[in-house]
């Protein structure tokens, strides 16, 4: 089995942590994590891909083991996180790669695809939204209100997302057997978002999230005009990004494969083998 290497690179003056595995000359796949986690979410998937693919999984700035500068020193936006990710991939010499995106990884990945469409060999979205269809209103109402009018009255509702209970809910909601999900997941994430000053990092990204929505028509145009195939493998019980968000990719992608699985938002924690099976089949078909 290929070893997983744990590395850092200095990108735009910041230390960015990433996991790397597989042959350097194999087809590349970049794994982009969501909130509130890090490349830790891919710890079990990476070894299942590394025999045949060059796998790169970075921690976004402000997350995991990457630097987390104070909001007074860095303006946290999805544009900024995508720019750092793009520069990291440039440093690593990746000029052609598949993208696997989840949650926050999706708007970062969409920016990479729109910036350098010729580099994208395939797109895999696992509960990573790209359509208005995907937003579950009961979850997003508070986020939209905070982004539109940030202040004490709207902040309190979104600040609850930083709590242990809310992070635990993200891992367990929609999972038929919650006992298969390790508590290490939410305890790991809660410890990192609880670092001094990290709450302001996360609040800044909550405020910025609405700026991802205007990208969606550009993404849809990319899907219609690009030959990049799409795999949407989705927890059908996700109460953050609903299954309609997965089905929507078939409207625009020339080659779309959609699988709805009886799980929740963090599908790899409960259905790793199922997701890995669909993923390896898809990559084998489209990348060889």
Protein backbone atom coordinates (compact mmCIF):
# COMPACT_ATOMS: atom_id res chain seq x y z
CA UNK A 1 0.00 0.00 0.00
CA UNK A 2 1.25 3.48 -0.83
CA UNK A 3 2.20 5.62 2.14
CA UNK A 4 0.30 8.83 2.86
CA UNK A 5 2.71 11.74 3.28
CA UNK A 6 1.91 14.73 5.49
CA UNK A 7 3.53 17.86 4.08
CA UNK A 8 3.47 21.63 4.22
CA UNK A 9 4.16 24.26 1.56
CA UNK A 10 4.59 28.00 1.90
CA UNK A 11 1.95 29.63 -0.29
CA UNK A 12 1.63 33.42 -0.46
CA UNK A 13 3.46 33.61 2.86
CA UNK A 14 1.23 31.06 4.62
CA UNK A 15 2.00 27.47 5.63
CA UNK A 16 -0.51 25.17 3.94
CA UNK A 17 -0.75 21.58 5.16
CA UNK A 18 -1.63 18.83 2.70
CA UNK A 19 -1.78 15.05 2.47
CA UNK A 20 -0.22 13.40 -0.56
CA UNK A 21 -0.19 9.81 -1.73
CA UNK A 22 0.20 7.73 -4.87
CA UNK A 23 2.56 7.80 -7.85
CA UNK A 24 3.55 11.31 -8.94
CA UNK A 25 3.10 10.36 -12.60
CA UNK A 26 -0.41 8.90 -12.13
CA UNK A 27 -3.61 10.82 -12.95
CA UNK A 28 -4.11 13.41 -10.23
CA UNK A 29 -7.14 13.95 -8.01
CA UNK A 30 -7.44 16.90 -5.62
CA UNK A 31 -9.69 16.46 -2.58
CA UNK A 32 -11.20 19.68 -1.15
CA UNK A 33 -12.82 19.45 2.27
CA UNK A 34 -15.79 21.25 3.76
CA UNK A 35 -16.76 23.03 6.97
CA UNK A 36 -15.87 22.56 9.81
CA UNK A 37 -13.34 19.87 9.00
CA UNK A 38 -10.07 19.54 7.09
CA UNK A 39 -8.24 16.96 4.97
CA UNK A 40 -8.81 14.73 8.02
CA UNK A 41 -12.18 13.88 6.44
CA UNK A 42 -10.33 12.08 3.63
CA UNK A 43 -7.98 10.07 5.89
CA UNK A 44 -9.67 6.75 5.04
CA UNK A 45 -10.40 7.50 1.38
CA UNK A 46 -6.86 8.49 0.35
CA UNK A 47 -5.34 5.00 0.77
CA UNK A 48 -8.17 3.53 -1.31
CA UNK A 49 -7.21 5.79 -4.24
CA UNK A 50 -3.43 5.90 -3.91
CA UNK A 51 -2.62 2.70 -5.82
CA UNK A 52 -3.83 4.23 -9.07
CA UNK A 53 -3.94 8.01 -8.56
CA UNK A 54 -1.79 10.88 -7.36
CA UNK A 55 -3.88 12.22 -4.48
CA UNK A 56 -3.54 15.71 -2.99
CA UNK A 57 -5.73 16.85 -0.07
CA UNK A 58 -4.96 20.31 1.37
CA UNK A 59 -6.30 21.99 4.48
CA UNK A 60 -7.81 25.35 3.56
CA UNK A 61 -6.27 28.39 5.23
CA UNK A 62 -7.91 28.76 8.64
CA UNK A 63 -8.69 25.05 8.88
CA UNK A 64 -6.96 21.92 10.09
CA UNK A 65 -3.19 22.13 10.29
CA UNK A 66 -2.78 25.02 7.85
CA UNK A 67 -2.04 28.50 9.11
CA UNK A 68 -4.99 30.41 10.53
CA UNK A 69 -4.03 34.08 10.49
CA UNK A 70 -6.15 36.53 12.44
CA UNK A 71 -8.96 38.20 10.52
CA UNK A 72 -7.16 41.51 11.12
CA UNK A 73 -4.26 40.18 9.03
CA UNK A 74 -6.10 38.22 6.33
CA UNK A 75 -9.45 38.80 4.63
CA UNK A 76 -11.19 35.43 4.57
CA UNK A 77 -13.30 34.98 1.45
CA UNK A 78 -13.89 32.03 -0.83
CA UNK A 79 -12.08 33.96 -3.56
CA UNK A 80 -9.02 34.18 -1.29
CA UNK A 81 -9.11 30.51 -0.30
CA UNK A 82 -9.42 29.46 -3.94
CA UNK A 83 -6.48 31.67 -4.89
CA UNK A 84 -4.26 30.04 -2.28
CA UNK A 85 -5.38 26.58 -3.40
CA UNK A 86 -4.62 27.48 -7.02
CA UNK A 87 -1.14 28.67 -6.08
CA UNK A 88 -0.50 25.49 -4.06
CA UNK A 89 -1.43 23.31 -7.04
CA UNK A 90 0.83 25.43 -9.26
CA UNK A 91 3.71 24.87 -6.83
CA UNK A 92 3.05 21.13 -6.90
CA UNK A 93 3.14 21.15 -10.71
CA UNK A 94 -0.43 19.93 -11.19
CA UNK A 95 -1.60 21.12 -14.59
CA UNK A 96 -4.33 18.47 -15.02
CA UNK A 97 -6.43 16.97 -12.26
CA UNK A 98 -9.82 15.70 -11.17
CA UNK A 99 -11.56 17.54 -8.34
CA UNK A 100 -13.43 15.90 -5.45
CA UNK A 101 -15.36 18.59 -3.56
CA UNK A 102 -17.52 18.56 -0.43
CA UNK A 103 -19.35 21.47 1.24
CA UNK A 104 -16.92 24.47 1.33
CA UNK A 105 -14.66 22.59 -1.06
CA UNK A 106 -17.30 23.04 -3.77
CA UNK A 107 -17.17 26.85 -4.18
CA UNK A 108 -13.40 26.67 -3.95
CA UNK A 109 -13.31 23.96 -6.60
CA UNK A 110 -15.75 25.78 -8.88
CA UNK A 111 -13.44 28.80 -8.85
CA UNK A 112 -10.50 26.59 -9.82
CA UNK A 113 -12.50 25.12 -12.70
CA UNK A 114 -13.64 28.53 -13.94
CA UNK A 115 -10.15 29.98 -13.70
CA UNK A 116 -8.41 27.12 -15.55
CA UNK A 117 -11.05 24.97 -17.23
CA UNK A 118 -8.45 23.17 -19.32
CA UNK A 119 -6.93 21.68 -16.17
CA UNK A 120 -10.07 19.84 -15.03
CA UNK A 121 -10.20 16.18 -16.06
CA UNK A 122 -13.31 15.33 -14.00
CA UNK A 123 -15.52 16.67 -11.21
CA UNK A 124 -16.74 14.67 -8.24
CA UNK A 125 -19.18 16.33 -5.87
CA UNK A 126 -20.08 14.69 -2.58
CA UNK A 127 -22.66 16.93 -0.94
CA UNK A 128 -20.94 19.89 -2.57
CA UNK A 129 -23.52 22.34 -3.88
CA UNK A 130 -23.57 24.03 -7.27
CA UNK A 131 -27.27 24.83 -7.70
CA UNK A 132 -29.93 26.79 -5.87
CA UNK A 133 -31.85 23.51 -5.81
CA UNK A 134 -29.50 22.16 -3.17
CA UNK A 135 -30.06 24.66 -0.39
CA UNK A 136 -32.23 23.34 2.46
CA UNK A 137 -34.13 26.44 3.57
CA UNK A 138 -34.36 25.53 7.25
CA UNK A 139 -30.56 25.50 7.50
CA UNK A 140 -29.66 28.42 5.24
CA UNK A 141 -32.16 31.09 6.31
CA UNK A 142 -29.97 32.20 9.22
CA UNK A 143 -26.84 32.24 7.04
CA UNK A 144 -28.46 34.44 4.40
CA UNK A 145 -29.77 36.81 7.09
CA UNK A 146 -26.32 37.13 8.66
CA UNK A 147 -24.63 37.73 5.31
CA UNK A 148 -27.16 40.38 4.34
CA UNK A 149 -27.11 42.21 7.66
CA UNK A 150 -24.21 41.16 9.91
CA UNK A 151 -24.58 42.21 13.50
CA UNK A 152 -25.46 40.96 16.98
CA UNK A 153 -29.08 40.22 16.06
CA UNK A 154 -28.14 37.87 13.21
CA UNK A 155 -24.77 36.61 14.44
CA UNK A 156 -26.08 34.64 17.40
CA UNK A 157 -27.99 32.22 15.16
CA UNK A 158 -24.96 31.34 13.03
CA UNK A 159 -22.53 31.32 15.95
CA UNK A 160 -24.33 28.23 17.25
CA UNK A 161 -22.82 26.37 14.27
CA UNK A 162 -19.46 26.55 16.08
CA UNK A 163 -20.72 24.55 19.05
CA UNK A 164 -19.88 20.92 19.75
CA UNK A 165 -23.55 19.93 19.48
CA UNK A 166 -23.96 21.60 16.06
CA UNK A 167 -20.81 19.99 14.68
CA UNK A 168 -21.88 16.62 16.08
CA UNK A 169 -25.24 17.10 14.34
CA UNK A 170 -23.50 17.68 11.02
CA UNK A 171 -21.91 14.25 11.32
CA UNK A 172 -24.91 12.31 12.63
CA UNK A 173 -28.01 13.76 10.97
CA UNK A 174 -29.41 11.50 8.28
CA UNK A 175 -27.19 8.54 9.19
CA UNK A 176 -29.28 5.36 9.59
CA UNK A 177 -26.90 3.96 12.22
CA UNK A 178 -25.14 6.84 14.01
CA UNK A 179 -23.01 4.37 15.99
CA UNK A 180 -20.81 3.80 12.92
CA UNK A 181 -19.63 7.44 13.01
CA UNK A 182 -16.61 7.93 15.27
CA UNK A 183 -16.85 10.72 17.86
CA UNK A 184 -13.25 11.52 16.91
CA UNK A 185 -14.67 13.37 13.92
CA UNK A 186 -16.65 16.05 15.69
CA UNK A 187 -14.26 16.27 18.64
CA UNK A 188 -11.35 16.85 16.22
CA UNK A 189 -13.23 19.57 14.35
CA UNK A 190 -14.60 21.23 17.48
CA UNK A 191 -11.12 21.51 18.98
CA UNK A 192 -9.81 23.27 15.87
CA UNK A 193 -12.66 25.76 15.44
CA UNK A 194 -12.40 26.51 19.18
CA UNK A 195 -8.86 27.89 18.84
CA UNK A 196 -8.55 31.51 19.86
CA UNK A 197 -9.68 33.75 17.02
CA UNK A 198 -10.94 30.94 14.80
CA UNK A 199 -14.54 31.88 15.49
CA UNK A 200 -13.96 35.14 13.62
CA UNK A 201 -12.44 33.21 10.70
CA UNK A 202 -15.55 31.06 10.44
CA UNK A 203 -17.93 33.99 10.84
CA UNK A 204 -16.16 35.81 8.00
CA UNK A 205 -16.75 32.83 5.71
CA UNK A 206 -20.39 32.56 6.80
CA UNK A 207 -20.80 36.21 5.78
CA UNK A 208 -19.12 35.59 2.44
CA UNK A 209 -21.02 32.42 1.51
CA UNK A 210 -23.75 34.28 -0.40
CA UNK A 211 -21.07 35.43 -2.84
CA UNK A 212 -20.80 31.87 -4.09
CA UNK A 213 -24.30 31.90 -5.54
CA UNK A 214 -23.53 34.25 -8.48
CA UNK A 215 -20.93 31.70 -9.62
CA UNK A 216 -23.55 29.04 -10.23
CA UNK A 217 -24.64 30.18 -13.72
CA UNK A 218 -20.96 30.31 -14.71
CA UNK A 219 -20.48 26.79 -13.38
CA UNK A 220 -23.52 25.57 -15.31
CA UNK A 221 -22.12 27.09 -18.50
CA UNK A 222 -18.80 25.34 -17.80
CA UNK A 223 -20.61 22.03 -17.37
CA UNK A 224 -22.50 22.49 -20.64
CA UNK A 225 -19.43 23.46 -22.67
CA UNK A 226 -16.78 21.34 -20.99
CA UNK A 227 -16.17 17.68 -21.64
CA UNK A 228 -15.33 17.16 -17.97
CA UNK A 229 -17.50 14.28 -16.67
CA UNK A 230 -19.31 14.68 -13.35
CA UNK A 231 -19.96 12.22 -10.54
CA UNK A 232 -22.43 13.36 -7.87
CA UNK A 233 -22.42 10.94 -4.95
CA UNK A 234 -24.60 12.35 -2.22
CA UNK A 235 -26.10 11.58 1.15
CA UNK A 236 -29.79 11.75 0.30
CA UNK A 237 -30.73 12.66 3.90
CA UNK A 238 -28.48 15.73 4.06
CA UNK A 239 -30.36 18.61 5.76
CA UNK A 240 -27.78 21.18 4.58
CA UNK A 241 -27.53 20.38 0.87
CA UNK A 242 -30.52 18.34 -0.19
CA UNK A 243 -30.58 15.61 -2.87
CA UNK A 244 -32.09 17.99 -5.44
CA UNK A 245 -28.67 19.60 -5.51
CA UNK A 246 -27.13 16.33 -6.70
CA UNK A 247 -29.78 15.62 -9.33
CA UNK A 248 -29.39 19.13 -10.76
CA UNK A 249 -25.91 18.36 -12.11
CA UNK A 250 -27.50 16.08 -14.70
CA UNK A 251 -29.26 19.10 -16.23
CA UNK A 252 -26.04 20.63 -17.51
CA UNK A 253 -23.15 18.16 -17.49
CA UNK A 254 -22.63 16.27 -20.74
CA UNK A 255 -21.61 13.16 -18.81
CA UNK A 256 -23.24 13.03 -15.38
CA UNK A 257 -23.47 10.07 -13.03
CA UNK A 258 -25.62 10.61 -9.92
CA UNK A 259 -25.92 8.31 -6.89
CA UNK A 260 -28.08 9.09 -3.84
CA UNK A 261 -27.04 7.10 -0.77
CA UNK A 262 -28.92 6.56 2.48
CA UNK A 263 -26.66 8.84 4.52
CA UNK A 264 -26.06 12.41 5.59
CA UNK A 265 -23.68 15.30 5.03
CA UNK A 266 -20.38 13.57 5.87
CA UNK A 267 -20.99 10.44 3.85
CA UNK A 268 -17.43 9.10 4.07
CA UNK A 269 -17.86 8.47 7.79
CA UNK A 270 -20.77 6.07 7.34
CA UNK A 271 -20.52 4.83 3.72
CA UNK A 272 -16.83 4.93 2.87
CA UNK A 273 -16.80 1.68 0.89
CA UNK A 274 -19.89 2.61 -1.12
CA UNK A 275 -18.53 6.03 -2.04
CA UNK A 276 -15.09 4.63 -2.82
CA UNK A 277 -16.64 1.99 -5.06
CA UNK A 278 -18.56 4.54 -7.11
CA UNK A 279 -15.55 6.84 -7.19
CA UNK A 280 -13.08 4.22 -8.35
CA UNK A 281 -15.51 3.00 -11.00
CA UNK A 282 -16.06 6.54 -12.26
CA UNK A 283 -12.37 7.46 -12.28
CA UNK A 284 -11.48 4.19 -13.98
CA UNK A 285 -14.03 4.95 -16.71
CA UNK A 286 -13.13 8.59 -17.32
CA UNK A 287 -9.41 8.71 -16.50
CA UNK A 288 -8.37 5.18 -17.38
